[in-house]
């Protein structure tokens, strides 16, 4: 998804998506509640930032 819809800017990857949480969970093969927990955890750690129909991943913090 990142290669197709993403754009790298410095240490961040910006991805535009038109999927809701349920659809994204189906693609990942997990329950929506499980995905929501992971997203919340990554947001608390400031690795992931959700912004409406897009999100930003801090690649430096993933390492």
N, C-alpha and C. Protein backbone atom coordinates (compact mmCIF):
# COMPACT_ATOMS: atom_id res chain seq x y z
N UNK A 1 0.82 -1.18 0.00
CA UNK A 1 0.00 0.00 0.00
C UNK A 1 0.87 1.26 0.00
N UNK A 2 1.94 1.23 0.79
CA UNK A 2 2.81 2.39 0.87
C UNK A 2 3.49 2.69 -0.46
N UNK A 3 3.90 1.65 -1.16
CA UNK A 3 4.56 1.86 -2.46
C UNK A 3 3.60 2.45 -3.48
N UNK A 4 2.35 2.07 -3.39
CA UNK A 4 1.37 2.54 -4.38
C UNK A 4 0.77 3.89 -4.02
N UNK A 5 0.47 4.11 -2.74
CA UNK A 5 -0.23 5.31 -2.32
C UNK A 5 0.61 6.24 -1.46
N UNK A 6 1.83 5.82 -1.11
CA UNK A 6 2.63 6.59 -0.16
C UNK A 6 3.62 7.53 -0.81
N UNK A 7 4.08 8.47 0.00
CA UNK A 7 5.10 9.42 -0.43
C UNK A 7 6.06 9.61 0.74
N UNK A 8 7.33 9.36 0.50
CA UNK A 8 8.33 9.52 1.56
C UNK A 8 8.83 10.95 1.58
N UNK A 9 8.88 11.51 2.79
CA UNK A 9 9.40 12.85 2.98
C UNK A 9 10.29 12.81 4.22
N UNK A 10 11.59 12.79 3.99
CA UNK A 10 12.54 12.70 5.10
C UNK A 10 12.38 11.37 5.82
N UNK A 11 12.17 11.43 7.14
CA UNK A 11 12.02 10.23 7.95
C UNK A 11 10.56 9.79 8.08
N UNK A 12 9.67 10.39 7.29
CA UNK A 12 8.25 10.06 7.39
C UNK A 12 7.72 9.50 6.08
N UNK A 13 6.72 8.68 6.21
CA UNK A 13 6.00 8.13 5.06
C UNK A 13 4.55 8.56 5.19
N UNK A 14 4.05 9.25 4.18
CA UNK A 14 2.67 9.71 4.15
C UNK A 14 1.89 8.83 3.19
N UNK A 15 0.76 8.30 3.65
CA UNK A 15 -0.05 7.41 2.83
C UNK A 15 -1.49 7.92 2.82
N UNK A 16 -2.02 8.12 1.61
CA UNK A 16 -3.43 8.47 1.45
C UNK A 16 -4.19 7.18 1.22
N UNK A 17 -5.33 7.03 1.89
CA UNK A 17 -6.14 5.83 1.70
C UNK A 17 -7.61 6.19 1.83
N UNK A 18 -8.41 5.48 1.09
CA UNK A 18 -9.85 5.71 1.16
C UNK A 18 -10.54 4.53 1.83
N UNK A 19 -9.84 3.88 2.74
CA UNK A 19 -10.38 2.72 3.45
C UNK A 19 -10.75 3.11 4.87
N UNK A 20 -11.86 2.57 5.35
CA UNK A 20 -12.18 2.79 6.76
C UNK A 20 -11.51 1.71 7.60
N UNK A 21 -11.67 1.79 8.90
CA UNK A 21 -11.00 0.86 9.81
C UNK A 21 -11.41 -0.58 9.54
N UNK A 22 -12.68 -0.81 9.29
CA UNK A 22 -13.17 -2.17 9.04
C UNK A 22 -12.54 -2.74 7.77
N UNK A 23 -12.49 -1.95 6.71
CA UNK A 23 -11.91 -2.41 5.45
C UNK A 23 -10.42 -2.69 5.59
N UNK A 24 -9.73 -1.81 6.30
CA UNK A 24 -8.30 -2.00 6.52
C UNK A 24 -8.04 -3.26 7.35
N UNK A 25 -8.88 -3.50 8.34
CA UNK A 25 -8.74 -4.70 9.17
C UNK A 25 -8.97 -5.95 8.32
N UNK A 26 -9.93 -5.90 7.41
CA UNK A 26 -10.17 -7.05 6.54
C UNK A 26 -8.96 -7.32 5.65
N UNK A 27 -8.35 -6.28 5.13
CA UNK A 27 -7.14 -6.45 4.31
C UNK A 27 -6.01 -7.09 5.11
N UNK A 28 -5.91 -6.68 6.37
CA UNK A 28 -4.84 -7.19 7.23
C UNK A 28 -5.18 -8.56 7.82
N UNK A 29 -6.45 -8.97 7.72
CA UNK A 29 -6.86 -10.26 8.27
C UNK A 29 -6.99 -10.26 9.78
N UNK A 30 -7.36 -9.11 10.35
CA UNK A 30 -7.53 -9.01 11.80
C UNK A 30 -8.89 -8.39 12.12
N UNK A 31 -9.30 -8.46 13.37
CA UNK A 31 -10.55 -7.83 13.81
C UNK A 31 -10.34 -6.32 13.90
N UNK A 32 -11.41 -5.58 13.65
CA UNK A 32 -11.35 -4.11 13.72
C UNK A 32 -10.89 -3.65 15.10
N UNK A 33 -11.35 -4.33 16.15
CA UNK A 33 -10.97 -3.94 17.51
C UNK A 33 -9.48 -4.13 17.75
N UNK A 34 -8.93 -5.21 17.20
CA UNK A 34 -7.48 -5.46 17.34
C UNK A 34 -6.68 -4.40 16.60
N UNK A 35 -7.12 -4.06 15.40
CA UNK A 35 -6.43 -3.03 14.63
C UNK A 35 -6.50 -1.70 15.34
N UNK A 36 -7.65 -1.37 15.91
CA UNK A 36 -7.81 -0.11 16.64
C UNK A 36 -6.85 -0.04 17.81
N UNK A 37 -6.65 -1.16 18.51
CA UNK A 37 -5.71 -1.20 19.64
C UNK A 37 -4.28 -0.93 19.17
N UNK A 38 -3.90 -1.56 18.07
CA UNK A 38 -2.55 -1.36 17.53
C UNK A 38 -2.36 0.08 17.08
N UNK A 39 -3.35 0.63 16.40
CA UNK A 39 -3.27 2.03 15.94
C UNK A 39 -3.14 2.95 17.13
N UNK A 40 -3.94 2.75 18.17
CA UNK A 40 -3.86 3.60 19.36
C UNK A 40 -2.49 3.51 20.02
N UNK A 41 -1.95 2.30 20.09
CA UNK A 41 -0.63 2.10 20.68
C UNK A 41 0.45 2.85 19.88
N UNK A 42 0.38 2.73 18.55
CA UNK A 42 1.37 3.42 17.71
C UNK A 42 1.21 4.93 17.77
N UNK A 43 -0.02 5.41 17.92
CA UNK A 43 -0.24 6.86 18.06
C UNK A 43 0.31 7.36 19.39
N UNK A 44 0.12 6.59 20.46
CA UNK A 44 0.65 6.98 21.76
C UNK A 44 2.17 7.06 21.73
N UNK A 45 2.80 6.18 20.97
CA UNK A 45 4.26 6.18 20.85
C UNK A 45 4.75 7.18 19.80
N UNK A 46 3.82 7.89 19.19
CA UNK A 46 4.10 8.89 18.15
C UNK A 46 4.81 8.30 16.93
N UNK A 47 4.52 7.04 16.66
CA UNK A 47 5.04 6.38 15.46
C UNK A 47 4.07 6.60 14.30
N UNK A 48 2.80 6.63 14.63
CA UNK A 48 1.74 6.75 13.63
C UNK A 48 0.86 7.95 13.96
N UNK A 49 0.46 8.66 12.93
CA UNK A 49 -0.46 9.79 13.10
C UNK A 49 -1.56 9.64 12.05
N UNK A 50 -2.78 9.40 12.52
CA UNK A 50 -3.93 9.26 11.62
C UNK A 50 -4.51 10.65 11.36
N UNK A 51 -4.84 10.91 10.09
CA UNK A 51 -5.36 12.23 9.71
C UNK A 51 -6.47 12.04 8.66
N UNK A 52 -7.67 11.72 9.11
CA UNK A 52 -8.79 11.54 8.19
C UNK A 52 -8.56 10.40 7.22
N UNK A 53 -8.37 10.73 5.94
CA UNK A 53 -8.18 9.69 4.92
C UNK A 53 -6.71 9.44 4.61
N UNK A 54 -5.83 9.80 5.53
CA UNK A 54 -4.41 9.54 5.33
C UNK A 54 -3.74 9.30 6.69
N UNK A 55 -2.51 8.83 6.62
CA UNK A 55 -1.75 8.66 7.84
C UNK A 55 -0.27 8.89 7.58
N UNK A 56 0.45 9.16 8.65
CA UNK A 56 1.90 9.40 8.59
C UNK A 56 2.59 8.41 9.52
N UNK A 57 3.66 7.80 9.01
CA UNK A 57 4.46 6.88 9.81
C UNK A 57 5.84 7.49 9.98
N UNK A 58 6.30 7.60 11.21
CA UNK A 58 7.64 8.09 11.50
C UNK A 58 8.60 6.91 11.39
N UNK A 59 9.29 6.81 10.28
CA UNK A 59 10.17 5.66 10.02
C UNK A 59 11.34 5.60 10.99
N UNK A 60 11.80 6.74 11.44
CA UNK A 60 12.93 6.78 12.40
C UNK A 60 12.54 6.11 13.71
N UNK A 61 11.31 6.32 14.15
CA UNK A 61 10.87 5.75 15.43
C UNK A 61 10.54 4.26 15.30
N UNK A 62 10.37 3.77 14.09
CA UNK A 62 10.11 2.34 13.90
C UNK A 62 11.36 1.51 14.14
N UNK A 63 12.52 2.10 13.98
CA UNK A 63 13.79 1.37 14.10
C UNK A 63 14.12 1.04 15.52
